[in-house]
Amino acid sequence: MSIPENKQRLLARIADDLQNVEGVAAVVLGGSYAAGMASDLSDLDIGIYYHVDKPFKIDDIKVVVEKYAVSPATVTDFYEWGPWVNGGAWMITEEGKVDFLYRNIRQVQQTIDKAQQGEWENHFEQQPPYGFSSVIYLAEVSICQPLYDPMGVLAAWKKTVSVYPPLLKATIVRQSLWSADFTCWQATGFAEKQDVYNTVGCLTRAMKNIMAALFALNERYPLGDKRVPEQLQEAASVPADLWEKVNTILCASPDTLPENVAALKALHQEVVLLSDGLYKPLYQL
């Protein structure tokens, strides 16, 4: 992890201020810097963990934000963004953009526990382009750098998620490839009618499912839809020329829709073969 010196100093100061806020149980560095994918323009993403029965006060977070913001900032209440990205703040500082993300310890623990049992979900309306997968919580825990964790909450979680749950892998692969299978089937009829709205919707929906399956097959937790190619870089089980195929499939026009769908089906079958028998369709379409 390489952070410019000026941002390191800013990060340390903010972390010190946050750990002195009553109700803050842990503070972590997350996002692209923690994942090793940062660029010169990357934000500092800071996770703020709390216990739901004794959370911090939003006004106390506003005090920290106002200390560093050089222009009007946004600070939200809990769960204003939705049920998964459950609040935080955006601010511009002298050293660049900084984001805060609230994380409910009970919710994260429940999500990790469910993942061990092969349970996951995707909340489409949470955020563009494809929603929020519950598995992102495991990804965040896996890559984050604890800055303040007096009770060892993150340390315990990191140990748990260091091994990708076998039941989770099986569930995601089966459900995602079945969803893509069913979507491809629907897309054929839309393409024949030159129905751009519904065909393109199917192309992107199925592609998201295929990517979810590839992450699971490679036992990697996705950090979201941003930089998916980088996240799957050097993964062992991916189709040859994957991103050329993805770009070809998603570059559609009314005249090419049947070809786009055919290419999507071919890619789906490649991933089915990579699943090594883990995927079986629910029905004969």
C-alpha atoms as a PDB file:
ATOM      1  CA  MET A   1       0.000   0.000   0.000  1.00  0.00           C
ATOM      2  CA  SER A   2       1.563   3.289  -1.153  1.00  0.00           C
ATOM      3  CA  ILE A   3      -0.021   6.514   0.078  1.00  0.00           C
ATOM      4  CA  PRO A   4       1.509   9.939  -0.636  1.00  0.00           C
ATOM      5  CA  GLU A   5       3.073  11.435   2.463  1.00  0.00           C
ATOM      6  CA  ASN A   6       0.650  14.358   2.609  1.00  0.00           C
ATOM      7  CA  LYS A   7      -2.319  11.975   2.539  1.00  0.00           C
ATOM      8  CA  GLN A   8      -0.713   9.759   5.175  1.00  0.00           C
ATOM      9  CA  ARG A   9      -0.505  12.720   7.538  1.00  0.00           C
ATOM     10  CA  LEU A  10      -4.117  13.666   6.830  1.00  0.00           C
ATOM     11  CA  LEU A  11      -5.257  10.085   7.353  1.00  0.00           C
ATOM     12  CA  ALA A  12      -3.479   9.870  10.711  1.00  0.00           C
ATOM     13  CA  ARG A  13      -5.024  13.116  11.938  1.00  0.00           C
ATOM     14  CA  ILE A  14      -8.542  12.133  10.898  1.00  0.00           C
ATOM     15  CA  ALA A  15      -8.173   8.680  12.449  1.00  0.00           C
ATOM     16  CA  ASP A  16      -7.038  10.248  15.729  1.00  0.00           C
ATOM     17  CA  ASP A  17     -10.049  12.558  15.751  1.00  0.00           C
ATOM     18  CA  LEU A  18     -12.498   9.778  14.922  1.00  0.00           C
ATOM     19  CA  GLN A  19     -11.235   7.416  17.604  1.00  0.00           C
ATOM     20  CA  ASN A  20     -11.975  10.116  20.169  1.00  0.00           C
ATOM     21  CA  VAL A  21     -15.615  10.310  19.066  1.00  0.00           C
ATOM     22  CA  GLU A  22     -17.852   8.521  21.551  1.00  0.00           C
ATOM     23  CA  GLY A  23     -19.492   5.503  19.898  1.00  0.00           C
ATOM     24  CA  VAL A  24     -16.807   4.925  17.255  1.00  0.00           C
ATOM     25  CA  ALA A  25     -15.762   1.295  17.744  1.00  0.00           C
ATOM     26  CA  ALA A  26     -13.217   0.991  14.919  1.00  0.00           C
ATOM     27  CA  VAL A  27     -11.704   3.036  12.113  1.00  0.00           C
ATOM     28  CA  VAL A  28     -10.177   1.582   8.942  1.00  0.00           C
ATOM     29  CA  LEU A  29      -8.666   2.648   5.664  1.00  0.00           C
ATOM     30  CA  GLY A  30     -10.547   1.013   2.826  1.00  0.00           C
ATOM     31  CA  GLY A  31     -11.145   1.565  -0.876  1.00  0.00           C
ATOM     32  CA  SER A  32      -8.538   1.708  -3.600  1.00  0.00           C
ATOM     33  CA  TYR A  33      -5.605   2.575  -1.322  1.00  0.00           C
ATOM     34  CA  ALA A  34      -6.233  -0.448   0.887  1.00  0.00           C
ATOM     35  CA  ALA A  35      -6.776  -2.637  -2.177  1.00  0.00           C
ATOM     36  CA  GLY A  36      -3.574  -1.481  -3.875  1.00  0.00           C
ATOM     37  CA  MET A  37      -5.436  -0.052  -6.877  1.00  0.00           C
ATOM     38  CA  ALA A  38      -5.134   3.678  -6.161  1.00  0.00           C
ATOM     39  CA  SER A  39      -4.223   6.351  -8.678  1.00  0.00           C
ATOM     40  CA  ASP A  40      -3.121   9.943  -8.143  1.00  0.00           C
ATOM     41  CA  LEU A  41      -6.781  10.967  -8.167  1.00  0.00           C
ATOM     42  CA  SER A  42      -8.039   8.335  -5.718  1.00  0.00           C
ATOM     43  CA  ASP A  43     -10.067   9.324  -2.665  1.00  0.00           C
ATOM     44  CA  LEU A  44      -9.213   8.353   0.879  1.00  0.00           C
ATOM     45  CA  ASP A  45     -11.997   5.985   1.965  1.00  0.00           C
ATOM     46  CA  ILE A  46     -12.374   5.699   5.728  1.00  0.00           C
ATOM     47  CA  GLY A  47     -14.679   3.138   7.310  1.00  0.00           C
ATOM     48  CA  ILE A  48     -16.256   4.015  10.665  1.00  0.00           C
ATOM     49  CA  TYR A  49     -17.595   1.006  12.571  1.00  0.00           C
ATOM     50  CA  TYR A  50     -20.130   1.276  15.382  1.00  0.00           C
ATOM     51  CA  HIS A  51     -22.377  -0.833  17.596  1.00  0.00           C
ATOM     52  CA  VAL A  52     -26.028  -0.354  16.712  1.00  0.00           C
ATOM     53  CA  ASP A  53     -27.076  -0.187  20.372  1.00  0.00           C
ATOM     54  CA  LYS A  54     -24.606   2.631  21.137  1.00  0.00           C
ATOM     55  CA  PRO A  55     -23.788   4.482  17.919  1.00  0.00           C
ATOM     56  CA  PHE A  56     -21.882   7.719  17.587  1.00  0.00           C
ATOM     57  CA  LYS A  57     -23.744  10.976  17.126  1.00  0.00           C
ATOM     58  CA  ILE A  58     -23.912  12.352  13.610  1.00  0.00           C
ATOM     59  CA  ASP A  59     -23.221  15.834  14.945  1.00  0.00           C
ATOM     60  CA  ASP A  60     -19.871  14.575  16.282  1.00  0.00           C
ATOM     61  CA  ILE A  61     -18.969  13.292  12.805  1.00  0.00           C
ATOM     62  CA  LYS A  62     -19.939  16.697  11.392  1.00  0.00           C
ATOM     63  CA  VAL A  63     -17.453  18.346  13.753  1.00  0.00           C
ATOM     64  CA  VAL A  64     -14.645  16.174  12.375  1.00  0.00           C
ATOM     65  CA  VAL A  65     -15.709  16.828   8.784  1.00  0.00           C
ATOM     66  CA  GLU A  66     -15.903  20.593   9.307  1.00  0.00           C
ATOM     67  CA  LYS A  67     -12.369  20.566  10.708  1.00  0.00           C
ATOM     68  CA  TYR A  68     -10.924  19.315   7.412  1.00  0.00           C
ATOM     69  CA  ALA A  69     -13.389  20.311   4.680  1.00  0.00           C
ATOM     70  CA  VAL A  70     -12.403  23.308   2.550  1.00  0.00           C
ATOM     71  CA  SER A  71     -15.821  23.560   0.894  1.00  0.00           C
ATOM     72  CA  PRO A  72     -19.390  22.616   1.907  1.00  0.00           C
ATOM     73  CA  ALA A  73     -19.469  18.886   2.697  1.00  0.00           C
ATOM     74  CA  THR A  74     -22.193  16.271   2.918  1.00  0.00           C
ATOM     75  CA  VAL A  75     -22.759  14.295   6.119  1.00  0.00           C
ATOM     76  CA  THR A  76     -25.670  11.849   6.250  1.00  0.00           C
ATOM     77  CA  ASP A  77     -27.625  10.168   9.003  1.00  0.00           C
ATOM     78  CA  PHE A  78     -27.638   6.377   9.412  1.00  0.00           C
ATOM     79  CA  TYR A  79     -29.122   4.413   6.510  1.00  0.00           C
ATOM     80  CA  GLU A  80     -30.002   7.471   4.429  1.00  0.00           C
ATOM     81  CA  TRP A  81     -28.169   5.913   1.485  1.00  0.00           C
ATOM     82  CA  GLY A  82     -29.976   2.603   1.778  1.00  0.00           C
ATOM     83  CA  PRO A  83     -29.809  -0.683   3.691  1.00  0.00           C
ATOM     84  CA  TRP A  84     -26.204  -1.577   2.785  1.00  0.00           C
ATOM     85  CA  VAL A  85     -24.230   1.588   2.126  1.00  0.00           C
ATOM     86  CA  ASN A  86     -25.686   2.852   5.332  1.00  0.00           C
ATOM     87  CA  GLY A  87     -24.414   6.407   5.557  1.00  0.00           C
ATOM     88  CA  GLY A  88     -21.290   8.504   5.633  1.00  0.00           C
ATOM     89  CA  ALA A  89     -19.809  11.746   4.376  1.00  0.00           C
ATOM     90  CA  TRP A  90     -18.122  13.340   1.360  1.00  0.00           C
ATOM     91  CA  MET A  91     -15.669  16.183   1.759  1.00  0.00           C
ATOM     92  CA  ILE A  92     -12.954  18.000  -0.133  1.00  0.00           C
ATOM     93  CA  THR A  93      -9.830  18.656   1.947  1.00  0.00           C
ATOM     94  CA  GLU A  94      -6.603  20.454   1.172  1.00  0.00           C
ATOM     95  CA  GLU A  95      -5.132  17.049   0.293  1.00  0.00           C
ATOM     96  CA  GLY A  96      -8.019  15.873  -1.886  1.00  0.00           C
ATOM     97  CA  LYS A  97     -11.330  14.077  -1.527  1.00  0.00           C
ATOM     98  CA  VAL A  98     -12.111  12.036   1.582  1.00  0.00           C
ATOM     99  CA  ASP A  99     -15.112   9.758   2.077  1.00  0.00           C
ATOM    100  CA  PHE A 100     -16.472   8.342   5.321  1.00  0.00           C
ATOM    101  CA  LEU A 101     -18.511   5.119   5.287  1.00  0.00           C
ATOM    102  CA  TYR A 102     -20.510   4.014   8.319  1.00  0.00           C
ATOM    103  CA  ARG A 103     -20.585   0.297   9.072  1.00  0.00           C
ATOM    104  CA  ASN A 104     -22.932  -1.383  11.558  1.00  0.00           C
ATOM    105  CA  ILE A 105     -20.909  -4.082  13.367  1.00  0.00           C
ATOM    106  CA  ARG A 106     -23.955  -6.274  13.957  1.00  0.00           C
ATOM    107  CA  GLN A 107     -24.930  -6.132  10.276  1.00  0.00           C
ATOM    108  CA  VAL A 108     -21.416  -6.945   9.112  1.00  0.00           C
ATOM    109  CA  GLN A 109     -21.184  -9.849  11.579  1.00  0.00           C
ATOM    110  CA  GLN A 110     -24.528 -11.229  10.415  1.00  0.00           C
ATOM    111  CA  THR A 111     -23.458 -10.936   6.791  1.00  0.00           C
ATOM    112  CA  ILE A 112     -20.210 -12.806   7.456  1.00  0.00           C
ATOM    113  CA  ASP A 113     -22.090 -15.499   9.405  1.00  0.00           C
ATOM    114  CA  LYS A 114     -24.618 -15.935   6.588  1.00  0.00           C
ATOM    115  CA  ALA A 115     -21.827 -16.136   4.014  1.00  0.00           C
ATOM    116  CA  GLN A 116     -20.373 -19.090   5.916  1.00  0.00           C
ATOM    117  CA  GLN A 117     -23.731 -20.802   5.379  1.00  0.00           C
ATOM    118  CA  GLY A 118     -23.808 -19.928   1.687  1.00  0.00           C
ATOM    119  CA  GLU A 119     -26.242 -17.019   1.977  1.00  0.00           C
ATOM    120  CA  TRP A 120     -25.812 -13.757   0.090  1.00  0.00           C
ATOM    121  CA  GLU A 121     -27.936 -11.109  -1.605  1.00  0.00           C
ATOM    122  CA  ASN A 122     -27.717  -8.250  -4.070  1.00  0.00           C
ATOM    123  CA  HIS A 123     -29.653  -5.022  -3.519  1.00  0.00           C
ATOM    124  CA  PHE A 124     -30.104  -3.560  -7.001  1.00  0.00           C
ATOM    125  CA  GLU A 125     -31.538  -0.202  -5.946  1.00  0.00           C
ATOM    126  CA  GLN A 126     -28.690   0.552  -3.526  1.00  0.00           C
ATOM    127  CA  GLN A 127     -26.320   2.039  -6.093  1.00  0.00           C
ATOM    128  CA  PRO A 128     -25.443   2.122  -9.810  1.00  0.00           C
ATOM    129  CA  PRO A 129     -24.692   0.371 -11.965  1.00  0.00           C
ATOM    130  CA  TYR A 130     -25.614  -3.087 -10.622  1.00  0.00           C
ATOM    131  CA  GLY A 131     -26.457  -2.610  -6.953  1.00  0.00           C
ATOM    132  CA  PHE A 132     -24.671  -3.736  -3.801  1.00  0.00           C
ATOM    133  CA  SER A 133     -23.695  -7.331  -3.120  1.00  0.00           C
ATOM    134  CA  SER A 134     -23.581  -8.401   0.518  1.00  0.00           C
ATOM    135  CA  VAL A 135     -20.256 -10.075  -0.298  1.00  0.00           C
ATOM    136  CA  ILE A 136     -18.727  -6.593  -0.557  1.00  0.00           C
ATOM    137  CA  TYR A 137     -18.724  -6.490   3.252  1.00  0.00           C
ATOM    138  CA  LEU A 138     -16.374  -9.486   3.228  1.00  0.00           C
ATOM    139  CA  ALA A 139     -14.224  -7.791   0.602  1.00  0.00           C
ATOM    140  CA  GLU A 140     -13.978  -4.648   2.710  1.00  0.00           C
ATOM    141  CA  VAL A 141     -12.938  -6.628   5.769  1.00  0.00           C
ATOM    142  CA  SER A 142     -10.396  -8.595   3.751  1.00  0.00           C
ATOM    143  CA  ILE A 143      -8.552  -5.585   2.308  1.00  0.00           C
ATOM    144  CA  CYS A 144      -9.017  -2.870   4.926  1.00  0.00           C
ATOM    145  CA  GLN A 145      -6.171  -1.512   7.035  1.00  0.00           C
ATOM    146  CA  PRO A 146      -7.306  -1.058  10.669  1.00  0.00           C
ATOM    147  CA  LEU A 147      -6.328   2.323  12.080  1.00  0.00           C
ATOM    148  CA  TYR A 148      -8.185   1.933  15.369  1.00  0.00           C
ATOM    149  CA  ASP A 149      -9.552  -1.411  16.544  1.00  0.00           C
ATOM    150  CA  PRO A 150      -9.230  -1.625  20.343  1.00  0.00           C
ATOM    151  CA  MET A 151     -11.521  -4.659  20.710  1.00  0.00           C
ATOM    152  CA  GLY A 152      -9.957  -6.596  17.809  1.00  0.00           C
ATOM    153  CA  VAL A 153     -13.218  -6.741  15.846  1.00  0.00           C
ATOM    154  CA  LEU A 154     -11.540  -6.397  12.461  1.00  0.00           C
ATOM    155  CA  ALA A 155      -8.763  -8.799  13.407  1.00  0.00           C
ATOM    156  CA  ALA A 156     -11.295 -11.534  14.188  1.00  0.00           C
ATOM    157  CA  TRP A 157     -13.248 -10.895  11.010  1.00  0.00           C
ATOM    158  CA  LYS A 158     -10.102 -10.918   8.886  1.00  0.00           C
ATOM    159  CA  LYS A 159      -9.239 -14.363  10.165  1.00  0.00           C
ATOM    160  CA  THR A 160     -12.730 -15.624   9.301  1.00  0.00           C
ATOM    161  CA  VAL A 161     -12.875 -14.243   5.757  1.00  0.00           C
ATOM    162  CA  SER A 162      -9.301 -15.243   4.906  1.00  0.00           C
ATOM    163  CA  VAL A 163     -10.752 -18.567   3.713  1.00  0.00           C
ATOM    164  CA  TYR A 164     -13.439 -18.187   1.051  1.00  0.00           C
ATOM    165  CA  PRO A 165     -16.545 -20.063   2.310  1.00  0.00           C
ATOM    166  CA  PRO A 166     -17.135 -23.185   0.148  1.00  0.00           C
ATOM    167  CA  LEU A 167     -20.915 -22.958   0.560  1.00  0.00           C
ATOM    168  CA  LEU A 168     -20.852 -19.327  -0.552  1.00  0.00           C
ATOM    169  CA  LYS A 169     -18.859 -20.242  -3.643  1.00  0.00           C
ATOM    170  CA  ALA A 170     -21.326 -22.959  -4.609  1.00  0.00           C
ATOM    171  CA  THR A 171     -24.364 -20.735  -4.033  1.00  0.00           C
ATOM    172  CA  ILE A 172     -23.062 -17.730  -5.953  1.00  0.00           C
ATOM    173  CA  VAL A 173     -21.893 -19.813  -8.907  1.00  0.00           C
ATOM    174  CA  ARG A 174     -25.159 -21.716  -9.178  1.00  0.00           C
ATOM    175  CA  GLN A 175     -27.471 -18.756  -8.677  1.00  0.00           C
ATOM    176  CA  SER A 176     -25.503 -16.354 -10.863  1.00  0.00           C
ATOM    177  CA  LEU A 177     -25.058 -18.717 -13.786  1.00  0.00           C
ATOM    178  CA  TRP A 178     -28.710 -19.741 -13.623  1.00  0.00           C
ATOM    179  CA  SER A 179     -29.789 -16.094 -13.652  1.00  0.00           C
ATOM    180  CA  ALA A 180     -27.510 -15.446 -16.639  1.00  0.00           C
ATOM    181  CA  ASP A 181     -28.849 -18.582 -18.348  1.00  0.00           C
ATOM    182  CA  PHE A 182     -32.459 -17.487 -17.912  1.00  0.00           C
ATOM    183  CA  THR A 183     -31.610 -13.932 -18.993  1.00  0.00           C
ATOM    184  CA  CYS A 184     -29.922 -15.175 -22.181  1.00  0.00           C
ATOM    185  CA  TRP A 185     -33.047 -17.157 -22.973  1.00  0.00           C
ATOM    186  CA  GLN A 186     -35.215 -14.050 -22.592  1.00  0.00           C
ATOM    187  CA  ALA A 187     -32.768 -11.920 -24.560  1.00  0.00           C
ATOM    188  CA  THR A 188     -33.122 -14.082 -27.685  1.00  0.00           C
ATOM    189  CA  GLY A 189     -36.752 -13.089 -28.217  1.00  0.00           C
ATOM    190  CA  PHE A 190     -36.075  -9.420 -27.538  1.00  0.00           C
ATOM    191  CA  ALA A 191     -33.185  -9.377 -30.024  1.00  0.00           C
ATOM    192  CA  GLU A 192     -35.295 -10.958 -32.757  1.00  0.00           C
ATOM    193  CA  LYS A 193     -37.754  -8.067 -32.364  1.00  0.00           C
ATOM    194  CA  GLN A 194     -34.927  -5.483 -32.368  1.00  0.00           C
ATOM    195  CA  ASP A 195     -36.100  -4.447 -28.906  1.00  0.00           C
ATOM    196  CA  VAL A 196     -33.061  -2.431 -27.854  1.00  0.00           C
ATOM    197  CA  TYR A 197     -34.348  -1.461 -24.404  1.00  0.00           C
ATOM    198  CA  ASN A 198     -34.968  -5.013 -23.228  1.00  0.00           C
ATOM    199  CA  THR A 199     -32.102  -6.694 -25.090  1.00  0.00           C
ATOM    200  CA  VAL A 200     -29.460  -4.318 -23.763  1.00  0.00           C
ATOM    201  CA  GLY A 201     -30.956  -4.670 -20.301  1.00  0.00           C
ATOM    202  CA  CYS A 202     -30.511  -8.430 -20.601  1.00  0.00           C
ATOM    203  CA  LEU A 203     -26.945  -8.079 -21.865  1.00  0.00           C
ATOM    204  CA  THR A 204     -25.851  -5.986 -18.903  1.00  0.00           C
ATOM    205  CA  ARG A 205     -27.846  -8.019 -16.369  1.00  0.00           C
ATOM    206  CA  ALA A 206     -26.387 -11.312 -17.557  1.00  0.00           C
ATOM    207  CA  MET A 207     -22.881  -9.844 -17.685  1.00  0.00           C
ATOM    208  CA  LYS A 208     -23.144  -8.755 -14.062  1.00  0.00           C
ATOM    209  CA  ASN A 209     -24.183 -12.325 -13.136  1.00  0.00           C
ATOM    210  CA  ILE A 210     -21.305 -13.812 -15.113  1.00  0.00           C
ATOM    211  CA  MET A 211     -18.848 -11.540 -13.296  1.00  0.00           C
ATOM    212  CA  ALA A 212     -20.319 -12.569  -9.925  1.00  0.00           C
ATOM    213  CA  ALA A 213     -19.794 -16.211 -10.880  1.00  0.00           C
ATOM    214  CA  LEU A 214     -16.194 -15.558 -11.938  1.00  0.00           C
ATOM    215  CA  PHE A 215     -15.376 -13.866  -8.641  1.00  0.00           C
ATOM    216  CA  ALA A 216     -16.793 -16.834  -6.753  1.00  0.00           C
ATOM    217  CA  LEU A 217     -15.066 -19.410  -8.961  1.00  0.00           C
ATOM    218  CA  ASN A 218     -11.772 -17.687  -8.256  1.00  0.00           C
ATOM    219  CA  GLU A 219     -12.645 -17.357  -4.550  1.00  0.00           C
ATOM    220  CA  ARG A 220     -12.322 -13.586  -4.653  1.00  0.00           C
ATOM    221  CA  TYR A 221     -14.583 -11.098  -2.916  1.00  0.00           C
ATOM    222  CA  PRO A 222     -15.701  -8.274  -5.243  1.00  0.00           C
ATOM    223  CA  LEU A 223     -15.160  -4.723  -4.010  1.00  0.00           C
ATOM    224  CA  GLY A 224     -17.986  -3.489  -6.211  1.00  0.00           C
ATOM    225  CA  ASP A 225     -18.395  -2.841  -9.909  1.00  0.00           C
ATOM    226  CA  LYS A 226     -15.568  -0.327 -10.221  1.00  0.00           C
ATOM    227  CA  ARG A 227     -12.352  -1.720 -11.674  1.00  0.00           C
ATOM    228  CA  VAL A 228     -13.709  -5.238 -12.122  1.00  0.00           C
ATOM    229  CA  PRO A 229     -10.975  -6.022 -14.715  1.00  0.00           C
ATOM    230  CA  GLU A 230      -8.287  -5.069 -12.186  1.00  0.00           C
ATOM    231  CA  GLN A 231      -9.957  -7.084  -9.444  1.00  0.00           C
ATOM    232  CA  LEU A 232      -9.961 -10.194 -11.638  1.00  0.00           C
ATOM    233  CA  GLN A 233      -6.448  -9.565 -12.896  1.00  0.00           C
ATOM    234  CA  GLU A 234      -4.327 -12.717 -12.760  1.00  0.00           C
ATOM    235  CA  ALA A 235      -7.340 -14.799 -11.707  1.00  0.00           C
ATOM    236  CA  ALA A 236      -6.761 -18.404 -12.730  1.00  0.00           C
ATOM    237  CA  SER A 237     -10.255 -19.340 -13.928  1.00  0.00           C
ATOM    238  CA  VAL A 238     -11.390 -16.811 -16.531  1.00  0.00           C
ATOM    239  CA  PRO A 239     -12.159 -17.252 -20.249  1.00  0.00           C
ATOM    240  CA  ALA A 240      -9.443 -16.319 -22.709  1.00  0.00           C
ATOM    241  CA  ASP A 241      -9.654 -12.731 -24.006  1.00  0.00           C
ATOM    242  CA  LEU A 242     -12.379 -12.053 -21.468  1.00  0.00           C
ATOM    243  CA  TRP A 243     -12.474  -8.270 -21.722  1.00  0.00           C
ATOM    244  CA  GLU A 244     -12.429  -8.229 -25.512  1.00  0.00           C
ATOM    245  CA  LYS A 245     -15.469 -10.503 -25.398  1.00  0.00           C
ATOM    246  CA  VAL A 246     -17.178  -8.347 -22.775  1.00  0.00           C
ATOM    247  CA  ASN A 247     -16.663  -5.188 -24.836  1.00  0.00           C
ATOM    248  CA  THR A 248     -17.921  -6.881 -27.998  1.00  0.00           C
ATOM    249  CA  ILE A 249     -21.050  -8.145 -26.252  1.00  0.00           C
ATOM    250  CA  LEU A 250     -21.916  -4.803 -24.673  1.00  0.00           C
ATOM    251  CA  CYS A 251     -21.307  -2.672 -27.791  1.00  0.00           C
ATOM    252  CA  ALA A 252     -24.725  -3.157 -29.385  1.00  0.00           C
ATOM    253  CA  SER A 253     -26.898  -1.513 -32.009  1.00  0.00           C
ATOM    254  CA  PRO A 254     -30.374  -2.485 -33.320  1.00  0.00           C
ATOM    255  CA  ASP A 255     -28.796  -4.382 -36.226  1.00  0.00           C
ATOM    256  CA  THR A 256     -26.310  -6.376 -34.112  1.00  0.00           C
ATOM    257  CA  LEU A 257     -28.548  -7.531 -31.256  1.00  0.00           C
ATOM    258  CA  PRO A 258     -28.769 -11.224 -32.328  1.00  0.00           C
ATOM    259  CA  GLU A 259     -24.975 -11.369 -32.630  1.00  0.00           C
ATOM    260  CA  ASN A 260     -24.555  -9.730 -29.232  1.00  0.00           C
ATOM    261  CA  VAL A 261     -26.843 -12.302 -27.629  1.00  0.00           C
ATOM    262  CA  ALA A 262     -25.082 -15.175 -29.382  1.00  0.00           C
ATOM    263  CA  ALA A 263     -21.722 -13.930 -28.087  1.00  0.00           C
ATOM    264  CA  LEU A 264     -23.203 -13.601 -24.590  1.00  0.00           C
ATOM    265  CA  LYS A 265     -24.433 -17.202 -24.686  1.00  0.00           C
ATOM    266  CA  ALA A 266     -21.011 -18.381 -25.825  1.00  0.00           C
ATOM    267  CA  LEU A 267     -19.315 -16.547 -22.949  1.00  0.00           C
ATOM    268  CA  HIS A 268     -21.823 -17.988 -20.503  1.00  0.00           C
ATOM    269  CA  GLN A 269     -21.021 -21.506 -21.700  1.00  0.00           C
ATOM    270  CA  GLU A 270     -17.306 -20.874 -21.252  1.00  0.00           C
ATOM    271  CA  VAL A 271     -17.893 -19.926 -17.627  1.00  0.00           C
ATOM    272  CA  VAL A 272     -20.167 -22.942 -17.141  1.00  0.00           C
ATOM    273  CA  LEU A 273     -17.289 -25.146 -18.271  1.00  0.00           C
ATOM    274  CA  LEU A 274     -14.969 -23.369 -15.848  1.00  0.00           C
ATOM    275  CA  SER A 275     -17.389 -24.235 -13.031  1.00  0.00           C
ATOM    276  CA  ASP A 276     -16.320 -27.871 -13.466  1.00  0.00           C
ATOM    277  CA  GLY A 277     -19.767 -29.320 -12.860  1.00  0.00           C
ATOM    278  CA  LEU A 278     -20.700 -26.949 -10.047  1.00  0.00           C
ATOM    279  CA  TYR A 279     -23.458 -25.391 -12.210  1.00  0.00           C
ATOM    280  CA  LYS A 280     -26.512 -27.283 -13.366  1.00  0.00           C
ATOM    281  CA  PRO A 281     -29.501 -25.389 -14.851  1.00  0.00           C
ATOM    282  CA  LEU A 282     -32.678 -25.495 -12.791  1.00  0.00           C
ATOM    283  CA  TYR A 283     -34.849 -26.176 -15.849  1.00  0.00           C
ATOM    284  CA  GLN A 284     -34.419 -27.112 -19.493  1.00  0.00           C
ATOM    285  CA  LEU A 285     -34.993 -23.878 -21.387  1.00  0.00           C
END
